[in-house]
Amino acid sequence: MNANAQNAFRFATPFAENGGEARALAA
């Protein structure tokens, strides 16, 4: 799993409506 995906999962919340929002939150 690449770093972007790992960070998206690490900081995931149920409020992200899509993968892009999960990545943006992590960033």
PDB file of all heavy atoms in Angstrom:
ATOM      1  N   MET A   1       0.857  -1.171   0.000  1.00  0.00           N
ATOM      2  CA  MET A   1       0.000   0.000   0.000  1.00  0.00           C
ATOM      3  C   MET A   1       0.903   1.234   0.000  1.00  0.00           C
ATOM      4  O   MET A   1       1.842   1.316   0.778  1.00  0.00           O
ATOM      5  CB  MET A   1      -0.893  -0.031   1.243  1.00  0.00           C
ATOM      6  CG  MET A   1      -1.873   1.114   1.298  1.00  0.00           C
ATOM      7  SD  MET A   1      -2.958   1.121   2.754  1.00  0.00           S
ATOM      8  CE  MET A   1      -3.688  -0.472   2.741  1.00  0.00           C
ATOM      9  N   ASN A   2       0.597   2.207  -0.872  1.00  0.00           N
ATOM     10  CA  ASN A   2       1.452   3.394  -0.946  1.00  0.00           C
ATOM     11  C   ASN A   2       1.184   4.337   0.228  1.00  0.00           C
ATOM     12  O   ASN A   2       0.206   4.203   0.955  1.00  0.00           O
ATOM     13  CB  ASN A   2       1.312   4.097  -2.303  1.00  0.00           C
ATOM     14  CG  ASN A   2      -0.005   4.802  -2.486  1.00  0.00           C
ATOM     15  OD1 ASN A   2      -0.613   5.265  -1.533  1.00  0.00           O
ATOM     16  ND2 ASN A   2      -0.447   4.898  -3.722  1.00  0.00           N
ATOM     17  N   ALA A   3       2.076   5.316   0.389  1.00  0.00           N
ATOM     18  CA  ALA A   3       2.001   6.232   1.532  1.00  0.00           C
ATOM     19  C   ALA A   3       0.705   7.042   1.538  1.00  0.00           C
ATOM     20  O   ALA A   3       0.126   7.284   2.600  1.00  0.00           O
ATOM     21  CB  ALA A   3       3.210   7.156   1.542  1.00  0.00           C
ATOM     22  N   ASN A   4       0.235   7.481   0.360  1.00  0.00           N
ATOM     23  CA  ASN A   4      -1.008   8.254   0.306  1.00  0.00           C
ATOM     24  C   ASN A   4      -2.181   7.441   0.838  1.00  0.00           C
ATOM     25  O   ASN A   4      -2.995   7.937   1.617  1.00  0.00           O
ATOM     26  CB  ASN A   4      -1.315   8.713  -1.129  1.00  0.00           C
ATOM     27  CG  ASN A   4      -0.404   9.817  -1.584  1.00  0.00           C
ATOM     28  OD1 ASN A   4       0.082  10.607  -0.787  1.00  0.00           O
ATOM     29  ND2 ASN A   4      -0.166   9.876  -2.877  1.00  0.00           N
ATOM     30  N   ALA A   5      -2.263   6.198   0.422  1.00  0.00           N
ATOM     31  CA  ALA A   5      -3.356   5.337   0.880  1.00  0.00           C
ATOM     32  C   ALA A   5      -3.233   5.054   2.371  1.00  0.00           C
ATOM     33  O   ALA A   5      -4.230   5.074   3.099  1.00  0.00           O
ATOM     34  CB  ALA A   5      -3.367   4.035   0.090  1.00  0.00           C
ATOM     35  N   GLN A   6      -2.006   4.814   2.838  1.00  0.00           N
ATOM     36  CA  GLN A   6      -1.810   4.558   4.265  1.00  0.00           C
ATOM     37  C   GLN A   6      -2.254   5.755   5.106  1.00  0.00           C
ATOM     38  O   GLN A   6      -2.907   5.584   6.133  1.00  0.00           O
ATOM     39  CB  GLN A   6      -0.343   4.234   4.544  1.00  0.00           C
ATOM     40  CG  GLN A   6       0.058   2.867   4.055  1.00  0.00           C
ATOM     41  CD  GLN A   6       1.545   2.602   4.257  1.00  0.00           C
ATOM     42  OE1 GLN A   6       2.331   3.521   4.476  1.00  0.00           O
ATOM     43  NE2 GLN A   6       1.918   1.348   4.157  1.00  0.00           N
ATOM     44  N   ASN A   7      -1.902   6.952   4.665  1.00  0.00           N
ATOM     45  CA  ASN A   7      -2.295   8.144   5.416  1.00  0.00           C
ATOM     46  C   ASN A   7      -3.801   8.374   5.366  1.00  0.00           C
ATOM     47  O   ASN A   7      -4.398   8.795   6.360  1.00  0.00           O
ATOM     48  CB  ASN A   7      -1.546   9.380   4.901  1.00  0.00           C
ATOM     49  CG  ASN A   7      -0.113   9.373   5.363  1.00  0.00           C
ATOM     50  OD1 ASN A   7       0.208   8.930   6.454  1.00  0.00           O
ATOM     51  ND2 ASN A   7       0.766   9.860   4.518  1.00  0.00           N
ATOM     52  N   ALA A   8      -4.412   8.103   4.228  1.00  0.00           N
ATOM     53  CA  ALA A   8      -5.865   8.255   4.131  1.00  0.00           C
ATOM     54  C   ALA A   8      -6.559   7.326   5.119  1.00  0.00           C
ATOM     55  O   ALA A   8      -7.500   7.720   5.812  1.00  0.00           O
ATOM     56  CB  ALA A   8      -6.336   7.981   2.705  1.00  0.00           C
ATOM     57  N   PHE A   9      -6.070   6.090   5.233  1.00  0.00           N
ATOM     58  CA  PHE A   9      -6.654   5.151   6.201  1.00  0.00           C
ATOM     59  C   PHE A   9      -6.337   5.565   7.635  1.00  0.00           C
ATOM     60  O   PHE A   9      -7.177   5.479   8.520  1.00  0.00           O
ATOM     61  CB  PHE A   9      -6.155   3.728   5.948  1.00  0.00           C
ATOM     62  CG  PHE A   9      -6.826   3.060   4.797  1.00  0.00           C
ATOM     63  CD1 PHE A   9      -6.100   2.674   3.688  1.00  0.00           C
ATOM     64  CD2 PHE A   9      -8.197   2.814   4.812  1.00  0.00           C
ATOM     65  CE1 PHE A   9      -6.719   2.060   2.612  1.00  0.00           C
ATOM     66  CE2 PHE A   9      -8.825   2.201   3.738  1.00  0.00           C
ATOM     67  CZ  PHE A   9      -8.080   1.822   2.641  1.00  0.00           C
ATOM     68  N   ARG A  10      -5.130   6.041   7.846  1.00  0.00           N
ATOM     69  CA  ARG A  10      -4.691   6.427   9.190  1.00  0.00           C
ATOM     70  C   ARG A  10      -5.557   7.539   9.779  1.00  0.00           C
ATOM     71  O   ARG A  10      -5.872   7.534  10.958  1.00  0.00           O
ATOM     72  CB  ARG A  10      -3.227   6.863   9.115  1.00  0.00           C
ATOM     73  CG  ARG A  10      -2.612   7.240  10.419  1.00  0.00           C
ATOM     74  CD  ARG A  10      -1.125   7.466  10.213  1.00  0.00           C
ATOM     75  NE  ARG A  10      -0.628   8.397  11.192  1.00  0.00           N
ATOM     76  CZ  ARG A  10       0.394   9.189  11.012  1.00  0.00           C
ATOM     77  NH1 ARG A  10       1.045   9.177   9.860  1.00  0.00           N
ATOM     78  NH2 ARG A  10       0.798   9.992  11.952  1.00  0.00           N
ATOM     79  N   PHE A  11      -5.947   8.501   8.942  1.00  0.00           N
ATOM     80  CA  PHE A  11      -6.714   9.646   9.418  1.00  0.00           C
ATOM     81  C   PHE A  11      -8.186   9.588   8.998  1.00  0.00           C
ATOM     82  O   PHE A  11      -8.903  10.574   9.107  1.00  0.00           O
ATOM     83  CB  PHE A  11      -6.093  10.947   8.902  1.00  0.00           C
ATOM     84  CG  PHE A  11      -4.685  11.163   9.375  1.00  0.00           C
ATOM     85  CD1 PHE A  11      -3.631  11.122   8.491  1.00  0.00           C
ATOM     86  CD2 PHE A  11      -4.418  11.401  10.718  1.00  0.00           C
ATOM     87  CE1 PHE A  11      -2.329  11.328   8.925  1.00  0.00           C
ATOM     88  CE2 PHE A  11      -3.117  11.611  11.164  1.00  0.00           C
ATOM     89  CZ  PHE A  11      -2.066  11.566  10.263  1.00  0.00           C
ATOM     90  N   ALA A  12      -8.625   8.437   8.538  1.00  0.00           N
ATOM     91  CA  ALA A  12      -9.993   8.314   8.024  1.00  0.00           C
ATOM     92  C   ALA A  12     -11.037   8.629   9.088  1.00  0.00           C
ATOM     93  O   ALA A  12     -10.853   8.334  10.267  1.00  0.00           O
ATOM     94  CB  ALA A  12     -10.219   6.908   7.479  1.00  0.00           C
ATOM     95  N   THR A  13     -12.110   9.247   8.640  1.00  0.00           N
ATOM     96  CA  THR A  13     -13.271   9.497   9.485  1.00  0.00           C
ATOM     97  C   THR A  13     -14.499   9.055   8.697  1.00  0.00           C
ATOM     98  O   THR A  13     -14.443   8.942   7.469  1.00  0.00           O
ATOM     99  CB  THR A  13     -13.426  10.992   9.835  1.00  0.00           C
ATOM    100  OG1 THR A  13     -13.871  11.697   8.677  1.00  0.00           O
ATOM    101  CG2 THR A  13     -12.136  11.584  10.366  1.00  0.00           C
ATOM    102  N   PRO A  14     -15.610   8.849   9.352  1.00  0.00           N
ATOM    103  CA  PRO A  14     -16.817   8.470   8.612  1.00  0.00           C
ATOM    104  C   PRO A  14     -17.413   9.628   7.819  1.00  0.00           C
ATOM    105  O   PRO A  14     -18.362   9.434   7.073  1.00  0.00           O
ATOM    106  CB  PRO A  14     -17.777   8.012   9.712  1.00  0.00           C
ATOM    107  CG  PRO A  14     -17.283   8.636  10.960  1.00  0.00           C
ATOM    108  CD  PRO A  14     -15.801   8.809  10.798  1.00  0.00           C
ATOM    109  N   PHE A  15     -16.847  10.832   7.950  1.00  0.00           N
ATOM    110  CA  PHE A  15     -17.408  11.999   7.286  1.00  0.00           C
ATOM    111  C   PHE A  15     -16.844  12.239   5.891  1.00  0.00           C
ATOM    112  O   PHE A  15     -17.399  13.038   5.143  1.00  0.00           O
ATOM    113  CB  PHE A  15     -17.200  13.246   8.146  1.00  0.00           C
ATOM    114  CG  PHE A  15     -17.832  13.118   9.494  1.00  0.00           C
ATOM    115  CD1 PHE A  15     -17.055  12.938  10.615  1.00  0.00           C
ATOM    116  CD2 PHE A  15     -19.217  13.131   9.638  1.00  0.00           C
ATOM    117  CE1 PHE A  15     -17.632  12.796  11.864  1.00  0.00           C
ATOM    118  CE2 PHE A  15     -19.800  12.983  10.882  1.00  0.00           C
ATOM    119  CZ  PHE A  15     -19.002  12.820  11.997  1.00  0.00           C
ATOM    120  N   ALA A  16     -15.746  11.598   5.548  1.00  0.00           N
ATOM    121  CA  ALA A  16     -15.186  11.757   4.203  1.00  0.00           C
ATOM    122  C   ALA A  16     -16.145  11.112   3.205  1.00  0.00           C
ATOM    123  O   ALA A  16     -16.497   9.942   3.350  1.00  0.00           O
ATOM    124  CB  ALA A  16     -13.808  11.127   4.115  1.00  0.00           C
ATOM    125  N   GLU A  17     -16.581  11.902   2.228  1.00  0.00           N
ATOM    126  CA  GLU A  17     -17.559  11.375   1.260  1.00  0.00           C
ATOM    127  C   GLU A  17     -16.919  10.588   0.133  1.00  0.00           C
ATOM    128  O   GLU A  17     -17.613   9.953  -0.648  1.00  0.00           O
ATOM    129  CB  GLU A  17     -18.390  12.523   0.703  1.00  0.00           C
ATOM    130  CG  GLU A  17     -19.306  13.122   1.754  1.00  0.00           C
ATOM    131  CD  GLU A  17     -20.277  14.134   1.184  1.00  0.00           C
ATOM    132  OE1 GLU A  17     -19.996  14.737   0.138  1.00  0.00           O
ATOM    133  OE2 GLU A  17     -21.333  14.316   1.813  1.00  0.00           O
ATOM    134  N   ASN A  18     -15.590  10.662   0.035  1.00  0.00           N
ATOM    135  CA  ASN A  18     -14.889   9.933  -1.012  1.00  0.00           C
ATOM    136  C   ASN A  18     -13.410   9.831  -0.641  1.00  0.00           C
ATOM    137  O   ASN A  18     -12.960  10.445   0.341  1.00  0.00           O
ATOM    138  CB  ASN A  18     -15.091  10.609  -2.381  1.00  0.00           C
ATOM    139  CG  ASN A  18     -14.699  12.070  -2.350  1.00  0.00           C
ATOM    140  OD1 ASN A  18     -13.579  12.424  -1.982  1.00  0.00           O
ATOM    141  ND2 ASN A  18     -15.622  12.943  -2.729  1.00  0.00           N
ATOM    142  N   GLY A  19     -12.671   9.087  -1.431  1.00  0.00           N
ATOM    143  CA  GLY A  19     -11.250   8.905  -1.168  1.00  0.00           C
ATOM    144  C   GLY A  19     -10.456  10.192  -1.239  1.00  0.00           C
ATOM    145  O   GLY A  19      -9.487  10.379  -0.503  1.00  0.00           O
ATOM    146  N   GLY A  20     -10.870  11.097  -2.125  1.00  0.00           N
ATOM    147  CA  GLY A  20     -10.178  12.376  -2.238  1.00  0.00           C
ATOM    148  C   GLY A  20     -10.280  13.180  -0.954  1.00  0.00           C
ATOM    149  O   GLY A  20      -9.297  13.793  -0.515  1.00  0.00           O
ATOM    150  N   GLU A  21     -11.456  13.184  -0.348  1.00  0.00           N
ATOM    151  CA  GLU A  21     -11.620  13.921   0.909  1.00  0.00           C
ATOM    152  C   GLU A  21     -10.805  13.280   2.028  1.00  0.00           C
ATOM    153  O   GLU A  21     -10.246  13.980   2.868  1.00  0.00           O
ATOM    154  CB  GLU A  21     -13.094  14.012   1.290  1.00  0.00           C
ATOM    155  CG  GLU A  21     -13.858  14.973   0.415  1.00  0.00           C
ATOM    156  CD  GLU A  21     -15.315  15.133   0.826  1.00  0.00           C
ATOM    157  OE1 GLU A  21     -15.691  14.666   1.936  1.00  0.00           O
ATOM    158  OE2 GLU A  21     -16.058  15.734   0.051  1.00  0.00           O
ATOM    159  N   ALA A  22     -10.714  11.957   2.039  1.00  0.00           N
ATOM    160  CA  ALA A  22      -9.890  11.279   3.042  1.00  0.00           C
ATOM    161  C   ALA A  22      -8.422  11.661   2.854  1.00  0.00           C
ATOM    162  O   ALA A  22      -7.711  11.948   3.829  1.00  0.00           O
ATOM    163  CB  ALA A  22     -10.081   9.762   2.944  1.00  0.00           C
ATOM    164  N   ARG A  23      -7.978  11.706   1.613  1.00  0.00           N
ATOM    165  CA  ARG A  23      -6.583  12.104   1.339  1.00  0.00           C
ATOM    166  C   ARG A  23      -6.354  13.566   1.706  1.00  0.00           C
ATOM    167  O   ARG A  23      -5.302  13.926   2.236  1.00  0.00           O
ATOM    168  CB  ARG A  23      -6.247  11.880  -0.132  1.00  0.00           C
ATOM    169  CG  ARG A  23      -6.004  10.418  -0.450  1.00  0.00           C
ATOM    170  CD  ARG A  23      -5.487  10.197  -1.841  1.00  0.00           C
ATOM    171  NE  ARG A  23      -4.262  10.939  -2.077  1.00  0.00           N
ATOM    172  CZ  ARG A  23      -3.830  11.271  -3.288  1.00  0.00           C
ATOM    173  NH1 ARG A  23      -4.514  10.918  -4.350  1.00  0.00           N
ATOM    174  NH2 ARG A  23      -2.708  11.930  -3.436  1.00  0.00           N
ATOM    175  N   ALA A  24      -7.325  14.429   1.422  1.00  0.00           N
ATOM    176  CA  ALA A  24      -7.174  15.848   1.750  1.00  0.00           C
ATOM    177  C   ALA A  24      -7.090  16.040   3.260  1.00  0.00           C
ATOM    178  O   ALA A  24      -6.256  16.821   3.746  1.00  0.00           O
ATOM    179  CB  ALA A  24      -8.335  16.653   1.174  1.00  0.00           C
ATOM    180  N   LEU A  25      -7.926  15.338   4.012  1.00  0.00           N
ATOM    181  CA  LEU A  25      -7.872  15.423   5.462  1.00  0.00           C
ATOM    182  C   LEU A  25      -6.501  14.987   5.960  1.00  0.00           C
ATOM    183  O   LEU A  25      -5.885  15.673   6.785  1.00  0.00           O
ATOM    184  CB  LEU A  25      -8.970  14.563   6.091  1.00  0.00           C
ATOM    185  CG  LEU A  25      -8.946  14.483   7.621  1.00  0.00           C
ATOM    186  CD1 LEU A  25      -9.191  15.853   8.237  1.00  0.00           C
ATOM    187  CD2 LEU A  25      -9.963  13.467   8.106  1.00  0.00           C
ATOM    188  N   ALA A  26      -6.022  13.860   5.460  1.00  0.00           N
ATOM    189  CA  ALA A  26      -4.693  13.375   5.866  1.00  0.00           C
ATOM    190  C   ALA A  26      -3.625  14.415   5.543  1.00  0.00           C
ATOM    191  O   ALA A  26      -2.747  14.682   6.371  1.00  0.00           O
ATOM    192  CB  ALA A  26      -4.388  12.050   5.172  1.00  0.00           C
ATOM    193  N   ALA A  27      -3.699  15.020   4.365  1.00  0.00           N
ATOM    194  CA  ALA A  27      -2.690  16.014   3.962  1.00  0.00           C
ATOM    195  C   ALA A  27      -2.716  17.216   4.898  1.00  0.00           C
ATOM    196  O   ALA A  27      -1.661  17.713   5.315  1.00  0.00           O
ATOM    197  CB  ALA A  27      -2.929  16.448   2.518  1.00  0.00           C
TER     198      ALA A  27
END
